[in-house]
């Protein structure tokens, strides 16, 4: 809902906190998508229905929105390290991120 955005960010994105791979929520996501384990510096937030996760490397950042119940990937996007713009990863490229 655009009404809940502050400076272009929703509450979940504003509430991201560092999370270790040992966290139960993170372990669930990495269990479903093991290739995401190659990313580092994870942050996680959650709403009633989804996990919002970000990770970063030196050259890019990753954003994943995952359904809490089914662990279905709802959104996957990337950006440059200092950019505020997230670019949706098209379905034909998602395989390289998720397999």
Foldseek 3Di string as FASTA:
>chain_A
DVVQDDPNDHPQVVPWDFDDCPPPQNVVLCVQQVLLVVFDRKTWGDDPFWIWIKTDDQFKIWIWIAGSPPRDTPFIWMDGPPDPDTHTDDPVRVVVRRD
